[in-house]
N, C-alpha and C. Protein backbone atom coordinates (compact mmCIF):
# COMPACT_ATOMS: atom_id res chain seq x y z
N MET A 1 -17.88 -30.08 -13.43
CA MET A 1 -16.94 -30.86 -12.65
C MET A 1 -15.99 -29.90 -11.93
N LYS A 2 -15.83 -30.11 -10.64
CA LYS A 2 -14.92 -29.29 -9.85
C LYS A 2 -13.57 -29.99 -9.74
N ILE A 3 -12.52 -29.28 -10.11
CA ILE A 3 -11.16 -29.79 -10.01
C ILE A 3 -10.50 -29.15 -8.79
N GLU A 4 -9.91 -29.98 -7.95
CA GLU A 4 -9.22 -29.46 -6.78
C GLU A 4 -7.71 -29.58 -6.96
N LYS A 5 -6.99 -28.54 -6.57
CA LYS A 5 -5.54 -28.61 -6.65
C LYS A 5 -5.00 -29.36 -5.44
N LEU A 6 -3.82 -29.93 -5.61
CA LEU A 6 -3.17 -30.71 -4.55
C LEU A 6 -1.81 -30.13 -4.22
N THR A 7 -1.44 -30.18 -2.97
CA THR A 7 -0.06 -29.96 -2.56
C THR A 7 0.48 -31.35 -2.25
N LEU A 8 1.39 -31.83 -3.09
CA LEU A 8 1.83 -33.22 -3.00
C LEU A 8 2.38 -33.58 -1.62
N THR A 9 3.17 -32.69 -1.02
CA THR A 9 3.78 -33.02 0.27
C THR A 9 2.74 -33.19 1.37
N ASP A 10 1.55 -32.63 1.20
CA ASP A 10 0.50 -32.76 2.20
C ASP A 10 -0.33 -34.03 2.03
N GLN A 11 -0.13 -34.77 0.95
CA GLN A 11 -0.97 -35.92 0.64
C GLN A 11 -0.50 -37.22 1.29
N ILE A 12 0.69 -37.20 1.91
CA ILE A 12 1.24 -38.40 2.52
C ILE A 12 2.15 -38.00 3.69
N ASP A 13 2.14 -38.81 4.75
CA ASP A 13 2.95 -38.54 5.93
C ASP A 13 4.00 -39.63 6.10
N TYR A 14 5.01 -39.32 6.88
CA TYR A 14 6.06 -40.30 7.20
C TYR A 14 5.55 -41.27 8.25
N ARG A 15 6.13 -42.47 8.26
CA ARG A 15 5.79 -43.49 9.26
C ARG A 15 7.08 -44.11 9.75
N GLU A 16 7.19 -44.28 11.04
CA GLU A 16 8.35 -44.97 11.62
C GLU A 16 8.27 -46.44 11.23
N GLY A 17 9.42 -47.05 11.04
CA GLY A 17 9.47 -48.48 10.81
C GLY A 17 9.53 -48.91 9.36
N ARG A 18 8.72 -48.28 8.49
CA ARG A 18 8.77 -48.64 7.07
C ARG A 18 8.16 -47.51 6.25
N PHE A 19 8.54 -47.49 4.99
CA PHE A 19 8.01 -46.43 4.11
C PHE A 19 6.54 -46.66 3.84
N ILE A 20 5.87 -45.63 3.36
CA ILE A 20 4.47 -45.76 3.00
C ILE A 20 4.28 -45.21 1.58
N ASN A 21 3.28 -45.72 0.90
CA ASN A 21 2.97 -45.23 -0.44
C ASN A 21 1.47 -45.25 -0.65
N LYS A 22 1.02 -44.44 -1.60
CA LYS A 22 -0.40 -44.44 -1.95
C LYS A 22 -0.56 -43.92 -3.37
N ILE A 23 -1.63 -44.37 -4.01
CA ILE A 23 -1.98 -43.89 -5.35
C ILE A 23 -2.79 -42.61 -5.19
N ILE A 24 -2.36 -41.54 -5.90
CA ILE A 24 -3.12 -40.28 -5.81
C ILE A 24 -3.88 -39.96 -7.10
N PHE A 25 -3.57 -40.70 -8.17
CA PHE A 25 -4.27 -40.50 -9.44
C PHE A 25 -4.13 -41.77 -10.25
N GLU A 26 -5.22 -42.15 -10.94
CA GLU A 26 -5.18 -43.39 -11.70
C GLU A 26 -6.04 -43.28 -12.95
N ARG A 27 -5.47 -43.75 -14.04
CA ARG A 27 -6.21 -43.91 -15.30
C ARG A 27 -5.91 -45.31 -15.81
N SER A 28 -6.53 -45.69 -16.90
CA SER A 28 -6.30 -47.03 -17.42
C SER A 28 -4.87 -47.21 -17.93
N ASP A 29 -4.22 -46.11 -18.35
CA ASP A 29 -2.89 -46.23 -18.94
C ASP A 29 -1.74 -45.80 -18.04
N PHE A 30 -2.00 -45.23 -16.87
CA PHE A 30 -0.93 -44.90 -15.94
C PHE A 30 -1.49 -44.62 -14.54
N LYS A 31 -0.57 -44.65 -13.55
CA LYS A 31 -0.89 -44.32 -12.16
C LYS A 31 0.15 -43.35 -11.63
N VAL A 32 -0.26 -42.54 -10.66
CA VAL A 32 0.65 -41.64 -9.97
C VAL A 32 0.66 -42.05 -8.50
N PHE A 33 1.86 -42.40 -8.01
CA PHE A 33 2.05 -42.83 -6.63
C PHE A 33 2.82 -41.76 -5.86
N LEU A 34 2.56 -41.67 -4.57
CA LEU A 34 3.41 -40.90 -3.66
C LEU A 34 4.03 -41.88 -2.68
N PHE A 35 5.30 -41.64 -2.34
CA PHE A 35 6.02 -42.44 -1.36
C PHE A 35 6.58 -41.49 -0.31
N ALA A 36 6.62 -41.92 0.93
CA ALA A 36 7.26 -41.17 2.01
C ALA A 36 8.19 -42.12 2.76
N LEU A 37 9.47 -41.77 2.81
CA LEU A 37 10.47 -42.57 3.49
C LEU A 37 11.18 -41.71 4.52
N LYS A 38 11.25 -42.18 5.74
CA LYS A 38 12.06 -41.52 6.77
C LYS A 38 13.52 -41.76 6.43
N ALA A 39 14.40 -40.91 6.94
CA ALA A 39 15.83 -41.05 6.69
C ALA A 39 16.27 -42.48 6.98
N SER A 40 17.01 -43.07 6.06
CA SER A 40 17.59 -44.42 6.07
C SER A 40 16.61 -45.53 5.67
N GLN A 41 15.33 -45.23 5.52
CA GLN A 41 14.41 -46.25 4.99
C GLN A 41 14.72 -46.47 3.52
N GLU A 42 14.39 -47.65 3.02
CA GLU A 42 14.72 -47.98 1.64
C GLU A 42 13.62 -48.79 0.98
N ILE A 43 13.65 -48.76 -0.35
CA ILE A 43 12.82 -49.63 -1.17
C ILE A 43 13.78 -50.61 -1.82
N LYS A 44 13.60 -51.87 -1.53
CA LYS A 44 14.51 -52.92 -2.02
C LYS A 44 14.61 -52.90 -3.54
N PRO A 45 15.72 -53.38 -4.09
CA PRO A 45 15.89 -53.40 -5.55
C PRO A 45 14.74 -54.15 -6.22
N GLN A 46 14.24 -53.55 -7.30
CA GLN A 46 13.17 -54.15 -8.07
C GLN A 46 13.19 -53.57 -9.48
N SER A 47 12.50 -54.20 -10.38
CA SER A 47 12.34 -53.66 -11.72
C SER A 47 10.85 -53.64 -12.02
N ALA A 48 10.49 -52.92 -13.07
CA ALA A 48 9.09 -52.82 -13.46
C ALA A 48 8.96 -53.16 -14.95
N PRO A 49 7.81 -53.68 -15.34
CA PRO A 49 7.62 -54.05 -16.75
C PRO A 49 7.30 -52.85 -17.65
N VAL A 50 7.25 -51.65 -17.06
CA VAL A 50 6.98 -50.43 -17.82
C VAL A 50 7.96 -49.35 -17.41
N ASN A 51 8.16 -48.38 -18.27
CA ASN A 51 8.98 -47.22 -17.90
C ASN A 51 8.26 -46.43 -16.82
N ALA A 52 9.02 -45.80 -15.95
CA ALA A 52 8.45 -44.98 -14.87
C ALA A 52 9.25 -43.68 -14.79
N PHE A 53 8.70 -42.72 -14.04
CA PHE A 53 9.33 -41.43 -13.89
C PHE A 53 9.22 -41.01 -12.44
N LEU A 54 10.35 -40.73 -11.79
CA LEU A 54 10.41 -40.40 -10.37
C LEU A 54 10.76 -38.93 -10.20
N THR A 55 10.02 -38.23 -9.35
CA THR A 55 10.30 -36.84 -9.01
C THR A 55 10.33 -36.70 -7.49
N VAL A 56 11.38 -36.07 -6.97
CA VAL A 56 11.49 -35.81 -5.53
C VAL A 56 10.66 -34.57 -5.20
N VAL A 57 9.72 -34.72 -4.27
CA VAL A 57 8.89 -33.59 -3.87
C VAL A 57 9.31 -33.01 -2.52
N GLU A 58 10.15 -33.76 -1.79
CA GLU A 58 10.66 -33.25 -0.51
C GLU A 58 11.87 -34.08 -0.10
N GLY A 59 12.91 -33.43 0.39
CA GLY A 59 14.05 -34.13 0.96
C GLY A 59 15.12 -34.51 -0.04
N GLU A 60 15.82 -35.60 0.29
CA GLU A 60 16.96 -36.05 -0.52
C GLU A 60 17.06 -37.56 -0.45
N GLY A 61 17.34 -38.18 -1.59
CA GLY A 61 17.44 -39.63 -1.62
C GLY A 61 18.52 -40.12 -2.56
N PHE A 62 18.91 -41.35 -2.34
CA PHE A 62 19.89 -42.05 -3.15
C PHE A 62 19.13 -43.02 -4.05
N ILE A 63 19.44 -42.99 -5.35
CA ILE A 63 18.78 -43.86 -6.32
C ILE A 63 19.87 -44.62 -7.07
N ARG A 64 19.73 -45.93 -7.17
CA ARG A 64 20.61 -46.73 -8.03
C ARG A 64 19.75 -47.30 -9.15
N ILE A 65 20.18 -47.06 -10.38
CA ILE A 65 19.49 -47.60 -11.55
C ILE A 65 20.51 -48.43 -12.31
N GLY A 66 20.29 -49.73 -12.34
CA GLY A 66 21.29 -50.63 -12.92
C GLY A 66 22.56 -50.52 -12.09
N GLU A 67 23.66 -50.07 -12.70
CA GLU A 67 24.94 -49.91 -12.01
C GLU A 67 25.27 -48.45 -11.71
N GLU A 68 24.37 -47.53 -12.02
CA GLU A 68 24.62 -46.10 -11.84
C GLU A 68 23.96 -45.57 -10.57
N ASP A 69 24.68 -44.72 -9.83
CA ASP A 69 24.19 -44.13 -8.59
C ASP A 69 23.89 -42.65 -8.79
N TYR A 70 22.80 -42.18 -8.15
CA TYR A 70 22.37 -40.79 -8.25
C TYR A 70 21.91 -40.31 -6.88
N THR A 71 22.13 -39.04 -6.60
CA THR A 71 21.52 -38.38 -5.45
C THR A 71 20.55 -37.36 -6.00
N LEU A 72 19.30 -37.43 -5.56
CA LEU A 72 18.28 -36.50 -6.02
C LEU A 72 17.75 -35.71 -4.85
N LYS A 73 17.49 -34.44 -5.10
CA LYS A 73 16.97 -33.52 -4.09
C LYS A 73 15.63 -32.96 -4.56
N THR A 74 14.96 -32.26 -3.67
CA THR A 74 13.66 -31.67 -3.97
C THR A 74 13.67 -31.00 -5.34
N GLY A 75 12.67 -31.37 -6.15
CA GLY A 75 12.50 -30.76 -7.46
C GLY A 75 13.21 -31.49 -8.59
N GLU A 76 14.07 -32.45 -8.26
CA GLU A 76 14.79 -33.17 -9.31
C GLU A 76 14.04 -34.46 -9.69
N SER A 77 14.22 -34.88 -10.93
CA SER A 77 13.52 -36.04 -11.48
C SER A 77 14.49 -36.94 -12.23
N ILE A 78 14.05 -38.20 -12.42
CA ILE A 78 14.86 -39.15 -13.18
C ILE A 78 13.94 -40.23 -13.76
N PRO A 79 14.19 -40.65 -14.99
CA PRO A 79 13.42 -41.77 -15.54
C PRO A 79 13.93 -43.10 -14.99
N LEU A 80 13.03 -44.06 -14.83
CA LEU A 80 13.38 -45.42 -14.42
C LEU A 80 13.00 -46.34 -15.58
N PRO A 81 14.00 -46.78 -16.35
CA PRO A 81 13.71 -47.62 -17.52
C PRO A 81 13.11 -48.98 -17.12
N LYS A 82 12.21 -49.46 -17.93
CA LYS A 82 11.60 -50.76 -17.65
C LYS A 82 12.66 -51.87 -17.66
N ASP A 83 12.40 -52.89 -16.86
CA ASP A 83 13.22 -54.10 -16.79
C ASP A 83 14.64 -53.86 -16.26
N ILE A 84 14.93 -52.69 -15.70
CA ILE A 84 16.24 -52.40 -15.10
C ILE A 84 16.05 -52.29 -13.59
N LEU A 85 16.87 -53.01 -12.81
CA LEU A 85 16.76 -52.93 -11.36
C LEU A 85 17.00 -51.49 -10.89
N HIS A 86 16.17 -51.05 -9.95
CA HIS A 86 16.39 -49.76 -9.31
C HIS A 86 16.17 -49.92 -7.80
N TYR A 87 16.84 -49.06 -7.06
CA TYR A 87 16.85 -49.11 -5.60
C TYR A 87 16.74 -47.67 -5.10
N VAL A 88 15.98 -47.46 -4.02
CA VAL A 88 15.80 -46.12 -3.46
C VAL A 88 16.08 -46.17 -1.97
N ARG A 89 16.85 -45.18 -1.48
CA ARG A 89 17.11 -45.04 -0.05
C ARG A 89 16.98 -43.57 0.31
N ALA A 90 16.32 -43.27 1.41
CA ALA A 90 16.19 -41.90 1.88
C ALA A 90 17.44 -41.50 2.65
N ASP A 91 18.17 -40.48 2.15
CA ASP A 91 19.31 -39.95 2.90
C ASP A 91 18.84 -38.99 3.98
N LYS A 92 17.75 -38.30 3.70
CA LYS A 92 17.02 -37.46 4.65
C LYS A 92 15.56 -37.86 4.48
N ASP A 93 14.67 -37.37 5.36
CA ASP A 93 13.26 -37.64 5.14
C ASP A 93 12.96 -37.26 3.69
N PHE A 94 12.19 -38.11 3.00
CA PHE A 94 12.16 -38.07 1.55
C PHE A 94 10.76 -38.43 1.04
N LYS A 95 10.19 -37.57 0.23
CA LYS A 95 8.92 -37.86 -0.43
C LYS A 95 9.14 -37.80 -1.93
N MET A 96 8.56 -38.78 -2.62
CA MET A 96 8.73 -38.80 -4.07
C MET A 96 7.41 -39.16 -4.73
N MET A 97 7.28 -38.69 -5.97
CA MET A 97 6.15 -39.04 -6.81
C MET A 97 6.68 -39.97 -7.90
N LEU A 98 5.95 -41.03 -8.17
CA LEU A 98 6.33 -41.99 -9.20
C LEU A 98 5.16 -42.12 -10.16
N ILE A 99 5.45 -41.93 -11.44
CA ILE A 99 4.44 -42.09 -12.47
C ILE A 99 4.80 -43.31 -13.29
N LYS A 100 3.84 -44.25 -13.39
CA LYS A 100 4.08 -45.43 -14.24
C LYS A 100 2.79 -45.99 -14.77
């Protein structure tokens, strides 16, 4: 079996008008998503039935988890607890990886 390495920032591009996302890896027990948001694009508040883990792979974004606000930059990560509302906004062009 040949394993190929990935450069995460090359796996997804920005789109005008709305953010884009795609699954880059999937198993029965978890998925890995990539998201690309242009500056000021947002992901509306939502919660998930499972814990998730967000890592910024490019840019800078604002994250609200419950009542707490965070600014994350390239290379920084944060857990997203299940059943807690979270919101994401790109302060600059922003790519993130989400594992859930």
